[in-house]
Protein backbone atom coordinates (compact mmCIF):
# COMPACT_ATOMS: atom_id res chain seq x y z
CA MET A 1 -16.92 39.40 69.92
CA VAL A 2 -17.69 41.25 73.15
CA LEU A 3 -17.60 45.00 73.04
CA THR A 4 -16.93 46.96 76.26
CA PHE A 5 -17.63 50.57 76.80
CA ASP A 6 -14.63 52.52 78.04
CA PRO A 7 -15.83 56.02 79.10
CA PHE A 8 -12.34 57.47 79.01
CA ARG A 9 -11.69 56.27 75.47
CA GLU A 10 -15.00 57.75 74.40
CA PHE A 11 -14.18 61.02 76.13
CA ASP A 12 -10.79 61.12 74.25
CA ARG A 13 -12.49 60.40 71.00
CA LEU A 14 -15.05 63.16 71.50
CA ALA A 15 -12.43 65.69 72.69
CA GLY A 16 -10.38 64.90 69.51
CA GLN A 17 -13.40 65.56 67.34
CA MET A 18 -14.10 68.85 69.09
CA LEU A 19 -10.50 70.06 69.14
CA GLY A 20 -9.59 68.82 65.68
CA ALA A 21 -7.46 65.73 65.29
CA SER A 22 -5.04 65.49 62.46
CA SER A 23 -5.05 62.55 60.11
CA SER A 24 -1.64 61.39 61.52
CA GLY A 25 -3.03 61.02 65.10
CA GLY A 26 -1.71 64.19 66.54
CA VAL A 27 -3.93 67.01 67.76
CA ALA A 28 -4.03 69.95 65.36
CA PRO A 29 -3.85 73.42 66.95
CA ILE A 30 -7.06 75.31 67.08
CA ALA A 31 -5.42 78.55 66.00
CA MET A 32 -2.09 80.27 65.86
CA PRO A 33 -1.11 81.12 69.44
CA ILE A 34 -0.82 84.90 70.02
CA ASP A 35 0.12 87.36 72.74
CA LEU A 36 -1.46 90.81 72.58
CA TYR A 37 -0.62 93.79 74.86
CA ARG A 38 -0.56 97.53 74.95
CA SER A 39 2.67 99.44 75.38
CA GLY A 40 2.39 103.16 75.59
CA ASP A 41 0.66 104.46 72.45
CA HIS A 42 0.65 101.22 70.49
CA PHE A 43 -0.55 97.57 70.69
CA VAL A 44 1.77 94.71 70.05
CA LEU A 45 0.75 91.34 68.75
CA HIS A 46 3.18 88.31 68.71
CA CYS A 47 2.07 85.31 66.70
CA ASP A 48 3.94 82.01 66.86
CA LEU A 49 4.60 80.63 63.37
CA ALA A 50 7.44 78.18 63.95
CA GLY A 51 8.47 76.25 60.92
CA ILE A 52 6.58 78.43 58.52
CA ASP A 53 8.32 80.21 55.55
CA PRO A 54 7.92 83.95 56.18
CA GLY A 55 7.19 84.32 52.47
CA SER A 56 3.97 82.35 52.89
CA VAL A 57 2.63 84.68 55.54
CA ASP A 58 -0.01 87.17 54.53
CA VAL A 59 -1.30 89.90 56.76
CA GLY A 60 -4.19 92.15 55.73
CA VAL A 61 -6.83 94.50 57.09
CA ASP A 62 -10.25 94.69 55.63
CA GLY A 63 -12.47 97.20 57.40
CA ARG A 64 -11.70 96.51 61.10
CA VAL A 65 -10.75 92.84 60.59
CA LEU A 66 -7.14 91.87 60.79
CA THR A 67 -6.31 88.61 58.98
CA ILE A 68 -3.12 86.64 59.46
CA ARG A 69 -2.77 83.73 57.06
CA ALA A 70 0.24 81.34 56.80
CA GLU A 71 1.05 77.99 55.26
CA ARG A 72 3.28 75.21 56.48
CA SER A 73 4.13 72.73 53.75
CA GLN A 74 4.21 69.00 54.35
CA ARG A 75 7.62 67.41 54.26
CA THR A 76 8.15 65.48 51.13
CA ASP A 77 10.83 62.99 52.31
CA THR A 78 10.06 59.60 50.88
CA ASP A 79 12.75 57.68 52.70
CA VAL A 80 11.41 58.39 56.28
CA GLN A 81 9.25 56.41 58.58
CA TRP A 82 7.18 58.66 60.70
CA LEU A 83 6.91 57.76 64.36
CA ARG A 84 4.87 60.82 65.48
CA ARG A 85 3.55 63.79 63.54
CA GLU A 86 2.12 66.56 65.69
CA ARG A 87 2.92 69.60 63.63
CA ALA A 88 -0.07 70.45 61.48
CA THR A 89 0.44 71.31 57.86
CA GLY A 90 -1.58 73.34 55.52
CA THR A 91 -3.06 76.81 55.69
CA PHE A 92 -3.63 78.47 59.04
CA GLU A 93 -5.72 81.69 59.43
CA ARG A 94 -6.45 83.94 62.41
CA ARG A 95 -8.86 86.79 62.30
CA LEU A 96 -9.11 89.59 64.95
CA THR A 97 -11.64 92.32 64.95
CA LEU A 98 -9.89 95.63 65.77
CA GLY A 99 -11.55 98.29 67.89
CA ASP A 100 -12.05 101.98 67.00
CA GLY A 101 -9.19 104.40 67.70
CA LEU A 102 -6.38 102.52 65.93
CA ASP A 103 -4.17 103.82 63.12
CA LEU A 104 -4.74 100.97 60.69
CA ASP A 105 -2.72 102.70 57.96
CA ASN A 106 0.51 102.48 59.97
CA ILE A 107 0.58 98.88 61.19
CA ALA A 108 4.09 97.47 61.03
CA ALA A 109 5.01 93.81 60.73
CA THR A 110 8.37 92.17 61.50
CA TRP A 111 9.57 88.53 61.55
CA GLN A 112 12.20 87.10 63.89
CA ASP A 113 12.84 83.46 64.87
CA GLY A 114 9.45 82.19 63.67
CA VAL A 115 7.51 84.90 65.50
CA LEU A 116 5.53 87.44 63.55
CA THR A 117 5.21 90.81 65.48
CA LEU A 118 2.65 93.34 64.53
CA THR A 119 2.79 96.89 65.96
CA ILE A 120 -0.57 98.67 65.79
CA PRO A 121 -0.40 102.36 66.73
CA VAL A 122 -3.19 104.19 68.52
CA ALA A 123 -4.71 106.96 66.37
CA GLU A 124 -3.88 110.49 67.43
CA ALA A 125 -7.53 111.31 68.04
CA ALA A 126 -7.87 108.40 70.48
CA LYS A 127 -4.75 109.14 72.58
CA PRO A 128 -5.41 110.44 76.10
CA ARG A 129 -4.95 114.23 76.38
CA ARG A 130 -5.29 116.88 79.06
CA ILE A 131 -7.89 119.51 78.75
CA ALA A 132 -7.14 122.98 80.20
CA ILE A 133 -9.64 124.35 82.66
CA THR A 134 -10.27 128.06 82.77
CA THR A 135 -12.17 129.79 85.48
CA ALA A 136 -14.78 132.55 84.93
CA ASP A 137 -12.50 135.09 86.66
CA ARG A 138 -9.58 134.43 84.23
CA ARG A 139 -11.88 134.52 81.20
CA ASP A 140 -13.21 137.92 82.26
CA GLU A 141 -9.64 139.15 82.65
CA ARG A 142 -8.70 137.95 79.07
CA VAL A 143 -11.83 139.73 77.63
CA LEU A 144 -10.91 142.94 79.39
CA GLU A 145 -7.25 142.71 78.23
CA SER A 146 -8.34 142.09 74.63
CA ASN A 147 -10.83 145.07 74.72
CA ALA A 148 -8.18 147.31 76.19
CA ALA A 149 -5.69 146.30 73.46
CA ALA A 150 -8.30 146.98 70.77
CA GLU A 151 -8.83 150.68 71.96
């Protein structure tokens, strides 16, 4: 038997190992895809969890680490012949380290159409604010007014 080296097949095999290939031949996702943006005084995170029962989703905060864990169960149909299986099953987890200045006690989570949405408010102390500027002349006027009122 003659073996030939196919560099493209070898590249595909190595890419599959690095990216994680499922046992059914499809490529398993590296992580749950997310969108994260700031809108006003809060951050919004959308996490795609299509086909996952919302009851299996767990969201928690430990210190400054936000963890999203979900489980997609494998179909148990015995009378089917699979032609292609690309949707990974099992437990998925995503961890994000949150920065300072967030109100971690008031994170809200909602679920709609297979998308988990987390709203993370900015803490009051971290919100931008204006600082009033006083001039030396105005400060002297206030001291004189308060001394005159005291007399």
